[in-house]
Amino acid sequence: MHAIQVTRSARAAAAVAVAALTAGGIIAASASAAPKPKLDATRLSISNKVIAHGRHHVDAVTGVLSSDGAGLANETVALEARTDVKPRWKIVATGATGAGGAITFDVVAPKAKTQFKYVFAGDASYRASHSNVITLLPVR
């Protein structure tokens, strides 16, 4: 075996390079392990009001999206529905909340018993939430 001779300056340069790579890896690892920001909790309500005129029956399904008691404007909320025939929830409408977090959709009276709920998917600042379920019965 032959001994390899390395100058002191080459050893020092190698040590600096190893230290830099190690520090870079530690910095990259700590950046990716940063804690996720805490999202504010949200609350979503739902109610309906029958609007009957002539032969057309419509329900105004209203709700309010809020966080810490204050309404959240310009947030996207979905109205989901399901019937006894199709028990899976399906999005039937989406819209943005208005001033004070209010949202309203006019729903034509269903032909079969139908349940509705509002769903907020959440975003970078607020956690997801959903409302209670309301049931609309067919008009007889």
Protein backbone atom coordinates (compact mmCIF):
# COMPACT_ATOMS: atom_id res chain seq x y z
CA MET A 1 0.00 0.00 0.00
CA HIS A 2 1.19 3.45 -0.84
CA ALA A 3 0.56 6.35 1.45
CA ILE A 4 -1.25 9.27 -0.14
CA GLN A 5 0.04 12.61 0.90
CA VAL A 6 -2.45 15.45 1.18
CA THR A 7 -1.42 18.97 2.01
CA ARG A 8 -2.81 20.74 5.04
CA SER A 9 -4.59 23.29 2.88
CA ALA A 10 -6.34 20.49 0.92
CA ARG A 11 -7.43 18.84 4.20
CA ALA A 12 -8.73 22.17 5.49
CA ALA A 13 -10.65 22.81 2.25
CA ALA A 14 -12.21 19.34 2.43
CA ALA A 15 -13.23 19.90 6.07
CA VAL A 16 -14.85 23.23 5.18
CA ALA A 17 -16.73 21.62 2.27
CA VAL A 18 -18.02 18.79 4.49
CA ALA A 19 -19.10 21.29 7.16
CA ALA A 20 -20.92 23.42 4.58
CA LEU A 21 -22.75 20.43 3.12
CA THR A 22 -23.72 19.20 6.56
CA ALA A 23 -24.96 22.63 7.65
CA GLY A 24 -26.91 22.99 4.40
CA GLY A 25 -28.58 19.64 4.98
CA ILE A 26 -29.47 20.58 8.53
CA ILE A 27 -30.90 23.90 7.41
CA ALA A 28 -32.91 22.21 4.64
CA ALA A 29 -34.16 19.54 7.05
CA SER A 30 -35.21 22.11 9.65
CA ALA A 31 -36.98 24.23 7.00
CA SER A 32 -39.06 21.26 5.85
CA ALA A 33 -39.86 20.32 9.45
CA ALA A 34 -41.23 23.76 10.28
CA PRO A 35 -44.52 23.58 12.17
CA LYS A 36 -47.69 24.14 10.16
CA PRO A 37 -49.49 27.40 10.89
CA LYS A 38 -52.47 27.06 13.22
CA LEU A 39 -55.71 27.47 11.32
CA ASP A 40 -58.67 29.32 12.85
CA ALA A 41 -61.77 27.25 13.50
CA THR A 42 -64.90 28.01 11.49
CA ARG A 43 -68.61 27.53 12.04
CA LEU A 44 -71.23 27.12 9.34
CA SER A 45 -74.99 27.39 9.88
CA ILE A 46 -77.92 26.49 7.63
CA SER A 47 -81.65 27.23 7.60
CA ASN A 48 -84.44 27.50 5.08
CA LYS A 49 -87.47 29.67 4.43
CA VAL A 50 -90.27 28.57 2.12
CA ILE A 51 -91.10 31.03 -0.63
CA ALA A 52 -94.45 30.00 -2.13
CA HIS A 53 -96.05 31.85 -5.01
CA GLY A 54 -98.56 30.43 -7.44
CA ARG A 55 -97.61 26.93 -8.51
CA HIS A 56 -93.91 27.43 -7.95
CA HIS A 57 -92.50 26.57 -4.55
CA VAL A 58 -88.95 27.56 -3.72
CA ASP A 59 -86.94 27.33 -0.54
CA ALA A 60 -84.30 29.93 0.24
CA VAL A 61 -81.51 27.91 1.87
CA THR A 62 -79.38 30.35 3.84
CA GLY A 63 -76.27 30.03 5.94
CA VAL A 64 -73.51 31.98 7.63
CA LEU A 65 -69.79 31.13 7.72
CA SER A 66 -68.01 32.59 10.73
CA SER A 67 -64.85 32.37 12.79
CA ASP A 68 -64.59 33.68 16.35
CA GLY A 69 -68.09 35.15 16.00
CA ALA A 70 -67.21 37.27 12.94
CA GLY A 71 -68.60 36.51 9.48
CA LEU A 72 -66.13 35.50 6.78
CA ALA A 73 -66.71 37.24 3.45
CA ASN A 74 -65.49 36.03 0.02
CA GLU A 75 -65.07 32.38 1.03
CA THR A 76 -66.30 29.55 -1.22
CA VAL A 77 -69.07 27.38 0.22
CA ALA A 78 -70.76 24.38 -1.44
CA LEU A 79 -74.37 23.33 -1.06
CA GLU A 80 -74.60 19.53 -1.00
CA ALA A 81 -77.73 17.40 -1.30
CA ARG A 82 -78.82 13.78 -1.07
CA THR A 83 -82.14 11.95 -1.46
CA ASP A 84 -83.43 8.60 -0.33
CA VAL A 85 -82.93 7.37 -3.88
CA LYS A 86 -79.30 8.56 -4.07
CA PRO A 87 -77.88 8.49 -0.53
CA ARG A 88 -74.47 9.97 -1.45
CA TRP A 89 -73.84 13.68 -0.96
CA LYS A 90 -73.44 15.62 -4.20
CA ILE A 91 -72.53 19.26 -4.73
CA VAL A 92 -75.53 21.02 -6.26
CA ALA A 93 -74.24 24.61 -6.08
CA THR A 94 -71.23 26.64 -5.00
CA GLY A 95 -70.90 30.31 -4.23
CA ALA A 96 -68.96 32.93 -2.33
CA THR A 97 -70.07 34.27 1.01
CA GLY A 98 -71.14 37.89 1.09
CA ALA A 99 -70.80 40.57 3.72
CA GLY A 100 -70.96 39.08 7.19
CA GLY A 101 -70.34 35.57 5.82
CA ALA A 102 -73.91 35.10 4.55
CA ILE A 103 -74.79 32.81 1.64
CA THR A 104 -78.17 31.93 0.10
CA PHE A 105 -79.32 29.58 -2.65
CA ASP A 106 -82.88 29.28 -3.95
CA VAL A 107 -83.81 25.61 -4.23
CA VAL A 108 -86.89 24.47 -6.15
CA ALA A 109 -89.07 22.27 -3.95
CA PRO A 110 -87.84 18.69 -4.41
CA LYS A 111 -89.96 15.85 -5.81
CA ALA A 112 -88.62 13.51 -3.11
CA LYS A 113 -87.49 14.03 0.46
CA THR A 114 -84.07 15.71 0.15
CA GLN A 115 -81.44 16.65 2.70
CA PHE A 116 -79.10 19.64 2.33
CA LYS A 117 -75.95 20.84 4.06
CA TYR A 118 -73.35 23.54 3.50
CA VAL A 119 -69.66 22.59 3.28
CA PHE A 120 -66.63 24.87 3.61
CA ALA A 121 -63.44 23.14 2.41
CA GLY A 122 -61.12 25.44 4.38
CA ASP A 123 -58.16 27.44 3.10
CA ALA A 124 -54.74 28.69 4.18
CA SER A 125 -56.20 30.61 7.14
CA TYR A 126 -59.35 28.71 8.18
CA ARG A 127 -60.21 25.10 8.98
CA ALA A 128 -62.87 23.21 7.06
CA SER A 129 -66.38 22.92 8.49
CA HIS A 130 -69.90 21.87 7.55
CA SER A 131 -73.36 22.80 8.70
CA ASN A 132 -76.06 20.68 10.22
CA VAL A 133 -78.43 18.93 7.84
CA ILE A 134 -81.87 20.24 6.91
CA THR A 135 -84.59 18.17 5.22
CA LEU A 136 -86.96 19.49 2.58
CA LEU A 137 -90.12 17.55 1.85
CA PRO A 138 -91.89 17.50 -1.50
CA VAL A 139 -94.78 19.94 -1.95
CA ARG A 140 -98.13 18.17 -2.14
